[in-house]
C-alpha atoms as a PDB file:
ATOM      1  CA  MET A   1      33.991 -78.142 141.064  1.00  0.00           C
ATOM      2  CA  LYS A   2      33.772 -79.101 144.723  1.00  0.00           C
ATOM      3  CA  PRO A   3      36.177 -81.685 146.216  1.00  0.00           C
ATOM      4  CA  ASP A   4      34.834 -85.244 146.247  1.00  0.00           C
ATOM      5  CA  ARG A   5      33.452 -86.151 149.716  1.00  0.00           C
ATOM      6  CA  ARG A   6      35.360 -89.464 149.678  1.00  0.00           C
ATOM      7  CA  PHE A   7      38.572 -87.538 149.015  1.00  0.00           C
ATOM      8  CA  ILE A   8      37.823 -85.187 151.922  1.00  0.00           C
ATOM      9  CA  ALA A   9      37.038 -88.203 154.161  1.00  0.00           C
ATOM     10  CA  THR A  10      40.337 -89.856 153.147  1.00  0.00           C
ATOM     11  CA  ILE A  11      42.306 -86.698 153.942  1.00  0.00           C
ATOM     12  CA  ALA A  12      40.461 -86.272 157.277  1.00  0.00           C
ATOM     13  CA  THR A  13      41.182 -89.882 158.248  1.00  0.00           C
ATOM     14  CA  SER A  14      44.807 -89.477 157.214  1.00  0.00           C
ATOM     15  CA  ALA A  15      45.071 -86.289 159.249  1.00  0.00           C
ATOM     16  CA  LEU A  16      43.690 -88.035 162.324  1.00  0.00           C
ATOM     17  CA  LEU A  17      46.230 -90.840 161.935  1.00  0.00           C
ATOM     18  CA  LEU A  18      48.987 -88.275 161.587  1.00  0.00           C
ATOM     19  CA  VAL A  19      47.923 -86.449 164.724  1.00  0.00           C
ATOM     20  CA  LEU A  20      47.916 -89.729 166.626  1.00  0.00           C
ATOM     21  CA  THR A  21      51.357 -90.731 165.335  1.00  0.00           C
ATOM     22  CA  GLY A  22      52.862 -87.222 165.496  1.00  0.00           C
ATOM     23  CA  CYS A  23      54.617 -87.304 162.122  1.00  0.00           C
ATOM     24  CA  ALA A  24      54.791 -84.463 159.586  1.00  0.00           C
ATOM     25  CA  ALA A  25      57.308 -82.551 157.542  1.00  0.00           C
ATOM     26  CA  GLY A  26      57.792 -79.691 155.145  1.00  0.00           C
ATOM     27  CA  GLY A  27      60.345 -78.539 152.625  1.00  0.00           C
ATOM     28  CA  GLY A  28      60.692 -76.277 149.667  1.00  0.00           C
ATOM     29  CA  ALA A  29      62.132 -75.758 146.222  1.00  0.00           C
ATOM     30  CA  GLU A  30      65.650 -76.066 147.635  1.00  0.00           C
ATOM     31  CA  SER A  31      64.905 -79.411 149.274  1.00  0.00           C
ATOM     32  CA  GLU A  32      67.867 -81.640 148.441  1.00  0.00           C
ATOM     33  CA  SER A  33      68.813 -85.125 149.559  1.00  0.00           C
ATOM     34  CA  ALA A  34      71.719 -85.774 151.904  1.00  0.00           C
ATOM     35  CA  SER A  35      73.748 -86.713 148.837  1.00  0.00           C
ATOM     36  CA  GLY A  36      72.659 -83.477 147.112  1.00  0.00           C
ATOM     37  CA  ALA A  37      71.323 -85.436 144.143  1.00  0.00           C
ATOM     38  CA  CYS A  38      67.581 -85.116 144.625  1.00  0.00           C
ATOM     39  CA  VAL A  39      65.502 -81.974 144.198  1.00  0.00           C
ATOM     40  CA  THR A  40      61.813 -81.542 143.506  1.00  0.00           C
ATOM     41  CA  ASP A  41      61.295 -81.179 139.762  1.00  0.00           C
ATOM     42  CA  LEU A  42      57.900 -82.518 138.666  1.00  0.00           C
ATOM     43  CA  THR A  43      55.787 -81.919 135.593  1.00  0.00           C
ATOM     44  CA  ALA A  44      52.036 -82.289 136.077  1.00  0.00           C
ATOM     45  CA  THR A  45      49.734 -82.550 133.072  1.00  0.00           C
ATOM     46  CA  PHE A  46      46.134 -81.608 133.811  1.00  0.00           C
ATOM     47  CA  PRO A  47      42.965 -82.853 132.033  1.00  0.00           C
ATOM     48  CA  ASP A  48      42.920 -79.821 129.699  1.00  0.00           C
ATOM     49  CA  GLY A  49      46.487 -80.604 128.570  1.00  0.00           C
ATOM     50  CA  THR A  50      48.132 -77.827 130.578  1.00  0.00           C
ATOM     51  CA  GLU A  51      51.628 -78.799 131.747  1.00  0.00           C
ATOM     52  CA  VAL A  52      52.870 -77.205 134.970  1.00  0.00           C
ATOM     53  CA  GLY A  53      56.278 -77.427 136.634  1.00  0.00           C
ATOM     54  CA  LEU A  54      56.144 -78.087 140.386  1.00  0.00           C
ATOM     55  CA  SER A  55      59.136 -77.373 142.638  1.00  0.00           C
ATOM     56  CA  GLU A  56      57.908 -76.549 146.180  1.00  0.00           C
ATOM     57  CA  SER A  57      57.657 -79.675 148.345  1.00  0.00           C
ATOM     58  CA  ALA A  58      56.433 -81.057 151.660  1.00  0.00           C
ATOM     59  CA  ALA A  59      55.875 -84.541 153.109  1.00  0.00           C
ATOM     60  CA  VAL A  60      53.900 -86.257 155.826  1.00  0.00           C
ATOM     61  CA  ASN A  61      54.706 -89.685 157.264  1.00  0.00           C
ATOM     62  CA  PHE A  62      52.031 -91.938 158.714  1.00  0.00           C
ATOM     63  CA  GLY A  63      54.441 -93.414 161.267  1.00  0.00           C
ATOM     64  CA  ASP A  64      54.701 -96.898 159.786  1.00  0.00           C
ATOM     65  CA  GLU A  65      57.677 -96.324 157.426  1.00  0.00           C
ATOM     66  CA  VAL A  66      55.428 -97.356 154.513  1.00  0.00           C
ATOM     67  CA  SER A  67      52.684 -94.728 154.204  1.00  0.00           C
ATOM     68  CA  TYR A  68      53.837 -91.272 153.106  1.00  0.00           C
ATOM     69  CA  THR A  69      52.013 -88.375 151.500  1.00  0.00           C
ATOM     70  CA  MET A  70      54.228 -86.053 149.492  1.00  0.00           C
ATOM     71  CA  TYR A  71      53.196 -82.728 148.013  1.00  0.00           C
ATOM     72  CA  ALA A  72      54.682 -80.680 145.170  1.00  0.00           C
ATOM     73  CA  ALA A  73      53.366 -77.275 144.129  1.00  0.00           C
ATOM     74  CA  ASP A  74      54.075 -74.186 142.054  1.00  0.00           C
ATOM     75  CA  PHE A  75      53.478 -71.896 145.041  1.00  0.00           C
ATOM     76  CA  ALA A  76      54.984 -71.480 148.506  1.00  0.00           C
ATOM     77  CA  TYR A  77      53.035 -73.236 151.232  1.00  0.00           C
ATOM     78  CA  GLY A  78      51.228 -71.103 153.778  1.00  0.00           C
ATOM     79  CA  ASP A  79      50.881 -71.739 157.469  1.00  0.00           C
ATOM     80  CA  GLU A  80      48.910 -74.977 157.057  1.00  0.00           C
ATOM     81  CA  ASN A  81      49.623 -77.741 159.504  1.00  0.00           C
ATOM     82  CA  LEU A  82      49.958 -80.680 157.122  1.00  0.00           C
ATOM     83  CA  LEU A  83      49.158 -82.966 160.040  1.00  0.00           C
ATOM     84  CA  VAL A  84      45.539 -81.858 159.877  1.00  0.00           C
ATOM     85  CA  GLU A  85      45.092 -79.815 156.683  1.00  0.00           C
ATOM     86  CA  PHE A  86      45.386 -80.371 152.958  1.00  0.00           C
ATOM     87  CA  PRO A  87      47.528 -77.525 151.545  1.00  0.00           C
ATOM     88  CA  GLN A  88      45.453 -74.513 150.501  1.00  0.00           C
ATOM     89  CA  VAL A  89      45.790 -74.109 146.730  1.00  0.00           C
ATOM     90  CA  PRO A  90      45.494 -70.504 145.523  1.00  0.00           C
ATOM     91  CA  ALA A  91      43.163 -69.793 142.578  1.00  0.00           C
ATOM     92  CA  ASP A  92      46.121 -69.711 140.167  1.00  0.00           C
ATOM     93  CA  GLY A  93      48.072 -72.483 141.945  1.00  0.00           C
ATOM     94  CA  HIS A  94      48.743 -76.129 141.125  1.00  0.00           C
ATOM     95  CA  LEU A  95      49.467 -79.025 143.473  1.00  0.00           C
ATOM     96  CA  ALA A  96      50.267 -82.735 143.236  1.00  0.00           C
ATOM     97  CA  ALA A  97      49.684 -85.113 146.149  1.00  0.00           C
ATOM     98  CA  VAL A  98      51.382 -88.503 145.895  1.00  0.00           C
ATOM     99  CA  SER A  99      50.841 -91.158 148.560  1.00  0.00           C
ATOM    100  CA  THR A 100      52.395 -94.564 149.117  1.00  0.00           C
ATOM    101  CA  VAL A 101      49.652 -96.815 150.490  1.00  0.00           C
ATOM    102  CA  VAL A 102      48.476-100.355 151.114  1.00  0.00           C
ATOM    103  CA  PHE A 103      44.698-100.579 150.652  1.00  0.00           C
ATOM    104  CA  ASN A 104      42.859-103.057 152.918  1.00  0.00           C
ATOM    105  CA  ARG A 105      46.103-103.974 154.629  1.00  0.00           C
ATOM    106  CA  GLU A 106      46.031-107.461 156.134  1.00  0.00           C
ATOM    107  CA  SER A 107      49.687-108.459 156.091  1.00  0.00           C
ATOM    108  CA  ASP A 108      52.980-106.954 157.195  1.00  0.00           C
ATOM    109  CA  VAL A 109      54.638-104.690 154.657  1.00  0.00           C
ATOM    110  CA  ALA A 110      58.352-103.921 154.856  1.00  0.00           C
ATOM    111  CA  ALA A 111      59.472-100.313 155.307  1.00  0.00           C
ATOM    112  CA  LEU A 112      60.230 -98.339 152.157  1.00  0.00           C
ATOM    113  CA  GLU A 113      63.877 -98.502 151.142  1.00  0.00           C
ATOM    114  CA  ALA A 114      66.109 -96.786 148.611  1.00  0.00           C
ATOM    115  CA  GLY A 115      66.011 -98.480 145.219  1.00  0.00           C
ATOM    116  CA  GLN A 116      62.518 -99.891 145.729  1.00  0.00           C
ATOM    117  CA  GLU A 117      60.199 -99.641 142.735  1.00  0.00           C
ATOM    118  CA  ILE A 118      56.468 -99.447 143.440  1.00  0.00           C
ATOM    119  CA  VAL A 119      54.152-100.262 140.561  1.00  0.00           C
ATOM    120  CA  TRP A 120      50.761 -98.525 140.429  1.00  0.00           C
ATOM    121  CA  SER A 121      48.064-101.114 141.058  1.00  0.00           C
ATOM    122  CA  THR A 122      44.480-101.578 142.217  1.00  0.00           C
ATOM    123  CA  GLU A 123      45.466-104.758 144.074  1.00  0.00           C
ATOM    124  CA  MET A 124      44.425-104.935 147.726  1.00  0.00           C
ATOM    125  CA  ASP A 125      46.941-105.671 150.508  1.00  0.00           C
ATOM    126  CA  ALA A 126      49.813-104.646 148.226  1.00  0.00           C
ATOM    127  CA  LEU A 127      52.056-101.596 148.294  1.00  0.00           C
ATOM    128  CA  THR A 128      51.038 -99.080 145.628  1.00  0.00           C
ATOM    129  CA  PHE A 129      50.716 -95.311 145.242  1.00  0.00           C
ATOM    130  CA  THR A 130      48.115 -92.696 144.401  1.00  0.00           C
ATOM    131  CA  ALA A 131      48.395 -89.399 142.542  1.00  0.00           C
ATOM    132  CA  ILE A 132      45.990 -86.475 142.869  1.00  0.00           C
ATOM    133  CA  LEU A 133      46.335 -83.120 141.132  1.00  0.00           C
ATOM    134  CA  ALA A 134      44.687 -79.840 142.106  1.00  0.00           C
ATOM    135  CA  ALA A 135      44.345 -76.592 140.156  1.00  0.00           C
ATOM    136  CA  GLY A 136      42.800 -73.857 142.270  1.00  0.00           C
ATOM    137  CA  ASP A 137      39.720 -75.398 143.872  1.00  0.00           C
ATOM    138  CA  GLU A 138      39.450 -78.262 141.344  1.00  0.00           C
ATOM    139  CA  GLN A 139      40.831 -81.699 142.220  1.00  0.00           C
ATOM    140  CA  PHE A 140      41.614 -84.514 139.812  1.00  0.00           C
ATOM    141  CA  GLY A 141      41.820 -87.833 141.619  1.00  0.00           C
ATOM    142  CA  LEU A 142      40.289 -90.339 139.218  1.00  0.00           C
ATOM    143  CA  SER A 143      42.653 -93.150 138.312  1.00  0.00           C
ATOM    144  CA  SER A 144      40.877 -94.952 135.468  1.00  0.00           C
ATOM    145  CA  ASN A 145      43.412 -96.941 133.486  1.00  0.00           C
ATOM    146  CA  GLY A 146      46.239 -95.752 135.723  1.00  0.00           C
ATOM    147  CA  GLU A 147      49.749 -96.991 135.081  1.00  0.00           C
ATOM    148  CA  GLY A 148      53.227 -96.134 136.180  1.00  0.00           C
ATOM    149  CA  THR A 149      55.953 -96.492 138.747  1.00  0.00           C
ATOM    150  CA  LEU A 150      57.273 -94.673 141.782  1.00  0.00           C
ATOM    151  CA  THR A 151      60.919 -95.385 142.588  1.00  0.00           C
ATOM    152  CA  VAL A 152      62.200 -94.605 146.074  1.00  0.00           C
ATOM    153  CA  LEU A 153      65.574 -92.887 145.687  1.00  0.00           C
ATOM    154  CA  GLU A 154      66.062 -91.998 149.346  1.00  0.00           C
ATOM    155  CA  VAL A 155      64.101 -92.496 152.550  1.00  0.00           C
ATOM    156  CA  GLY A 156      65.077 -91.485 156.068  1.00  0.00           C
ATOM    157  CA  GLU A 157      65.266 -87.892 157.257  1.00  0.00           C
ATOM    158  CA  GLN A 158      64.139 -87.036 153.739  1.00  0.00           C
ATOM    159  CA  ILE A 159      62.085 -88.914 151.204  1.00  0.00           C
ATOM    160  CA  CYS A 160      62.953 -88.634 147.539  1.00  0.00           C
ATOM    161  CA  VAL A 161      61.047 -90.419 144.812  1.00  0.00           C
ATOM    162  CA  GLU A 162      61.011 -90.536 141.044  1.00  0.00           C
ATOM    163  CA  ILE A 163      57.523 -90.831 139.603  1.00  0.00           C
ATOM    164  CA  ASP A 164      56.245 -91.681 136.144  1.00  0.00           C
ATOM    165  CA  TYR A 165      52.445 -91.946 136.286  1.00  0.00           C
ATOM    166  CA  SER A 166      49.518 -91.414 133.926  1.00  0.00           C
ATOM    167  CA  ASP A 167      45.814 -92.199 133.750  1.00  0.00           C
ATOM    168  CA  ASP A 168      42.809 -91.140 131.675  1.00  0.00           C
ATOM    169  CA  GLN A 169      42.729 -87.765 133.457  1.00  0.00           C
ATOM    170  CA  LYS A 170      46.282 -86.629 134.206  1.00  0.00           C
ATOM    171  CA  SER A 171      49.991 -87.440 134.364  1.00  0.00           C
ATOM    172  CA  LEU A 172      52.897 -86.726 136.681  1.00  0.00           C
ATOM    173  CA  THR A 173      56.611 -87.215 135.926  1.00  0.00           C
ATOM    174  CA  GLY A 174      59.867 -86.259 137.607  1.00  0.00           C
ATOM    175  CA  THR A 175      61.361 -86.230 141.103  1.00  0.00           C
ATOM    176  CA  LEU A 176      59.914 -85.154 144.445  1.00  0.00           C
ATOM    177  CA  ALA A 177      62.112 -84.590 147.520  1.00  0.00           C
ATOM    178  CA  ALA A 178      60.949 -83.397 150.932  1.00  0.00           C
ATOM    179  CA  ASP A 179      62.164 -83.491 154.535  1.00  0.00           C
ATOM    180  CA  VAL A 180      60.466 -86.003 156.831  1.00  0.00           C
ATOM    181  CA  GLN A 181      60.137 -85.550 160.595  1.00  0.00           C
ATOM    182  CA  SER A 182      59.344 -88.405 162.909  1.00  0.00           C
END
């Protein structure tokens, strides 16, 4: 299955914004919060019912203290520049991409802060999040009947979130922690 062109366009646009703002970050399985309490430990459930543990992490910040893309995988990241490239998923690899976003933003949105709960929504001009899974070269980004929450546990030099999300295609639960450069 080839990646959806809209998905590719979204990633390309995001990459361009990241290049212009100069923000990106990476981390790994040992990525812990400053308090030592947060490590990446996610379970992704794919459309065929396969459950995969994800512990390698990385994050990219869009420069506005609201829009982040966080990655968790079951493989070590290569030499990709996450500013301009989606992580390359090996044939036997699995990846989750979680983004905090405001679609059709028209108003000011406060910076993310620890303790903030973000509810998954299709509402425009409201803070929400997206979840995309990849297995090898297949991507699962549909969000029909999506529901769930993303709770910000820490944000600053590192972002750490707890996610509990499911839709008609997939689910993602657990914590994701990654270093953030600005």
